[in-house]
Protein backbone atom coordinates (compact mmCIF):
# COMPACT_ATOMS: atom_id res chain seq x y z
CA MET A 1 143.17 199.00 138.52
CA ALA A 2 146.07 200.64 135.61
CA ALA A 3 147.30 203.23 138.41
CA LEU A 4 148.12 199.96 140.81
CA ILE A 5 149.47 198.36 137.97
CA GLY A 6 151.79 201.42 137.47
CA ALA A 7 152.83 201.50 140.77
CA LEU A 8 154.10 197.81 141.05
CA ILE A 9 155.92 198.35 137.55
CA GLY A 10 157.56 201.56 139.17
CA TRP A 11 158.27 199.95 142.62
CA THR A 12 160.00 197.15 140.54
CA ILE A 13 162.40 199.63 138.51
CA VAL A 14 163.67 200.85 141.34
CA ALA A 15 164.60 197.39 142.84
CA VAL A 16 165.75 196.14 139.50
CA THR A 17 168.14 198.82 137.89
CA GLY A 18 169.05 199.83 141.69
CA ARG A 19 170.76 196.86 142.29
CA ASP A 20 174.57 198.25 141.38
CA GLY A 21 173.41 201.05 144.23
CA VAL A 22 172.65 203.84 141.57
CA PRO A 23 168.73 204.11 140.79
CA LEU A 24 167.45 205.90 137.64
CA ARG A 25 167.38 209.65 137.43
CA VAL A 26 164.03 211.30 136.47
CA ALA A 27 164.61 213.36 133.77
CA TRP A 28 162.70 216.10 133.11
CA SER A 29 160.99 215.38 129.80
CA GLY A 30 158.49 212.80 131.34
CA PRO A 31 156.84 215.33 133.89
CA ILE A 32 156.54 217.92 131.09
CA THR A 33 155.86 215.82 128.71
CA LEU A 34 152.59 214.35 130.77
CA LEU A 35 151.91 217.98 132.10
CA ALA A 36 151.58 218.94 128.18
CA ALA A 37 149.62 216.15 127.30
CA ALA A 38 146.94 216.99 129.89
CA ALA A 39 146.96 220.58 128.78
CA VAL A 40 146.24 219.30 125.10
CA LEU A 41 143.85 217.17 126.32
CA VAL A 42 141.86 219.50 128.24
CA CYS A 43 141.56 221.94 125.47
CA ILE A 44 140.35 219.00 123.33
CA ALA A 45 137.76 218.07 126.05
CA TYR A 46 136.57 221.62 126.23
CA VAL A 47 136.28 222.16 122.52
CA LEU A 48 134.47 219.04 122.35
CA HIS A 49 131.93 219.78 125.27
CA LEU A 50 131.63 222.74 123.43
CA ARG A 51 130.23 221.26 120.00
CA LEU A 52 128.62 218.28 121.24
CA GLN A 53 126.90 219.60 124.68
CA VAL A 54 126.48 223.07 124.40
CA ASN A 55 125.81 223.95 120.95
CA ARG A 56 124.63 220.53 120.31
CA LEU A 57 126.67 220.12 116.99
CA ARG A 58 126.72 216.85 115.50
CA ILE A 59 129.98 215.37 114.13
CA PRO A 60 130.74 212.29 112.13
CA ASP A 61 130.26 208.88 113.78
CA ARG A 62 133.41 207.64 113.09
CA GLN A 63 134.85 211.17 114.41
CA ALA A 64 133.32 210.54 117.34
CA VAL A 65 134.56 207.21 117.90
CA ALA A 66 137.74 208.01 117.66
CA TRP A 67 137.88 210.70 119.91
CA LEU A 68 135.85 208.44 122.41
CA ALA A 69 138.91 205.84 121.71
CA LEU A 70 141.53 208.30 122.61
CA GLY A 71 139.48 209.46 125.84
CA LYS A 72 139.65 205.76 126.77
CA ALA A 73 143.08 205.08 125.69
CA ALA A 74 144.48 207.87 127.57
CA ALA A 75 142.70 207.81 130.63
CA VAL A 76 144.63 204.76 130.99
CA VAL A 77 147.73 205.68 129.91
CA GLY A 78 147.45 208.95 132.35
CA ALA A 79 146.34 206.41 135.37
CA LEU A 80 149.62 204.07 134.37
CA MET A 81 151.76 206.86 134.41
CA ALA A 82 150.87 208.46 137.60
CA GLY A 83 150.74 204.57 139.11
CA GLY A 84 154.45 204.23 137.95
CA TYR A 85 155.83 207.61 139.11
CA PHE A 86 154.02 207.33 142.37
CA GLY A 87 155.44 203.86 143.05
CA PHE A 88 158.96 205.02 141.95
CA ALA A 89 158.82 208.24 144.54
CA VAL A 90 157.52 205.74 147.25
CA ARG A 91 160.78 203.90 147.47
CA PHE A 92 162.77 207.33 148.12
CA LEU A 93 160.26 209.15 150.51
CA THR A 94 162.55 207.75 153.54
CA ASP A 95 165.49 209.35 152.39
CA LEU A 96 164.49 213.07 151.42
CA SER A 97 167.75 214.41 153.26
CA THR A 98 169.86 214.15 150.70
CA ASP A 99 169.64 216.03 147.04
CA ALA A 100 169.40 212.68 144.60
CA PRO A 101 166.29 210.96 146.29
CA ARG A 102 164.67 214.31 147.07
CA GLU A 103 164.80 215.27 143.00
CA ARG A 104 163.54 211.95 142.33
CA VAL A 105 160.77 212.03 144.48
CA ILE A 106 159.70 216.20 143.11
CA ARG A 107 160.25 215.22 139.44
CA SER A 108 157.89 212.31 140.49
CA ALA A 109 155.40 214.25 141.85
CA VAL A 110 155.19 216.59 138.90
CA ALA A 111 155.18 213.67 136.54
CA ILE A 112 152.35 212.43 139.27
CA VAL A 113 150.11 215.63 138.93
CA GLY A 114 150.52 215.42 135.08
CA GLY A 115 149.50 212.08 134.69
CA ILE A 116 146.27 212.42 137.24
CA GLY A 117 145.50 215.47 134.74
CA VAL A 118 146.11 213.83 131.46
CA MET A 119 143.54 210.71 133.48
CA LEU A 120 140.91 213.46 134.21
CA ALA A 121 141.31 215.56 130.84
CA SER A 122 140.44 212.23 129.09
CA LEU A 123 137.92 211.60 131.59
CA ARG A 124 136.51 214.80 130.60
CA ILE A 125 136.96 213.52 126.46
CA GLU A 126 134.61 210.73 127.34
CA ARG A 127 131.83 212.31 128.94
CA ALA A 128 132.03 215.15 125.99
CA CYS A 129 131.11 212.37 123.56
CA LEU A 130 128.25 211.16 125.41
CA VAL A 131 124.76 211.92 123.02
CA PRO A 132 122.60 214.15 125.05
CA PRO A 133 119.15 213.21 125.18
CA ASP A 134 116.75 214.54 122.45
CA LYS A 135 114.54 217.68 124.23
CA ARG A 136 112.83 218.61 121.02
CA SER A 137 110.74 215.65 120.33
CA PRO A 138 108.52 213.42 122.90
CA LYS A 139 109.24 209.81 122.97
CA GLY A 140 107.90 207.53 120.49
CA ARG A 141 107.67 210.39 117.71
CA SER A 142 110.22 210.19 114.74
CA GLY A 143 110.92 213.47 112.87
CA PRO A 144 113.50 215.95 112.01
CA GLY A 145 115.83 216.24 115.35
CA SER A 146 114.70 212.54 116.55
CA PRO A 147 116.93 209.51 116.88
CA SER A 148 114.85 207.93 114.18
CA GLY A 149 114.63 211.42 112.23
CA PRO A 150 116.63 212.07 108.46
CA ASP A 151 119.48 213.88 110.50
CA SER A 152 120.21 211.72 112.95
CA SER A 153 124.07 210.48 112.70
CA SER A 154 123.43 207.80 115.57
CA HIS A 155 122.73 204.87 113.66
CA GLY A 156 125.80 205.41 110.96
CA GLU A 157 123.72 205.40 108.28
CA ASN A 158 124.74 208.61 106.85
CA ASP A 159 128.04 208.24 107.35
CA HIS A 160 129.91 206.21 104.66
CA SER A 161 133.10 208.08 104.43
């Protein structure tokens, strides 16, 4: 849905700003920023996956919620940006024979890749924050390592900082 809304916004920006005959140009700063953000989010997703899923280390509840919120927000923003640049680029696809429209489409395509990268990396962050099932104790038993055991931080009882 966010990508569709972004596409409509991008399409509208071209229609509104192009009334004087000169639509906006796409600077390299936008696509490069999206690619850099995607790279940072990939690193965060990888570290969280290793820490939480592979090594099964615990982090404070509030920190986990913060990472999850970052993942959700960045996924929506990535989809919105990719859709926006797509809507912007579509308006120039029919005139690729001249330099300015071709430049807009190429830069928008790089930004679309960056936006999709941000969205996918953010979804990986969300997935890394899932609490894995506890394989150490059978269902119904409480003890160390079980959801109701003393070292559990899934209920927020031990984290009051």
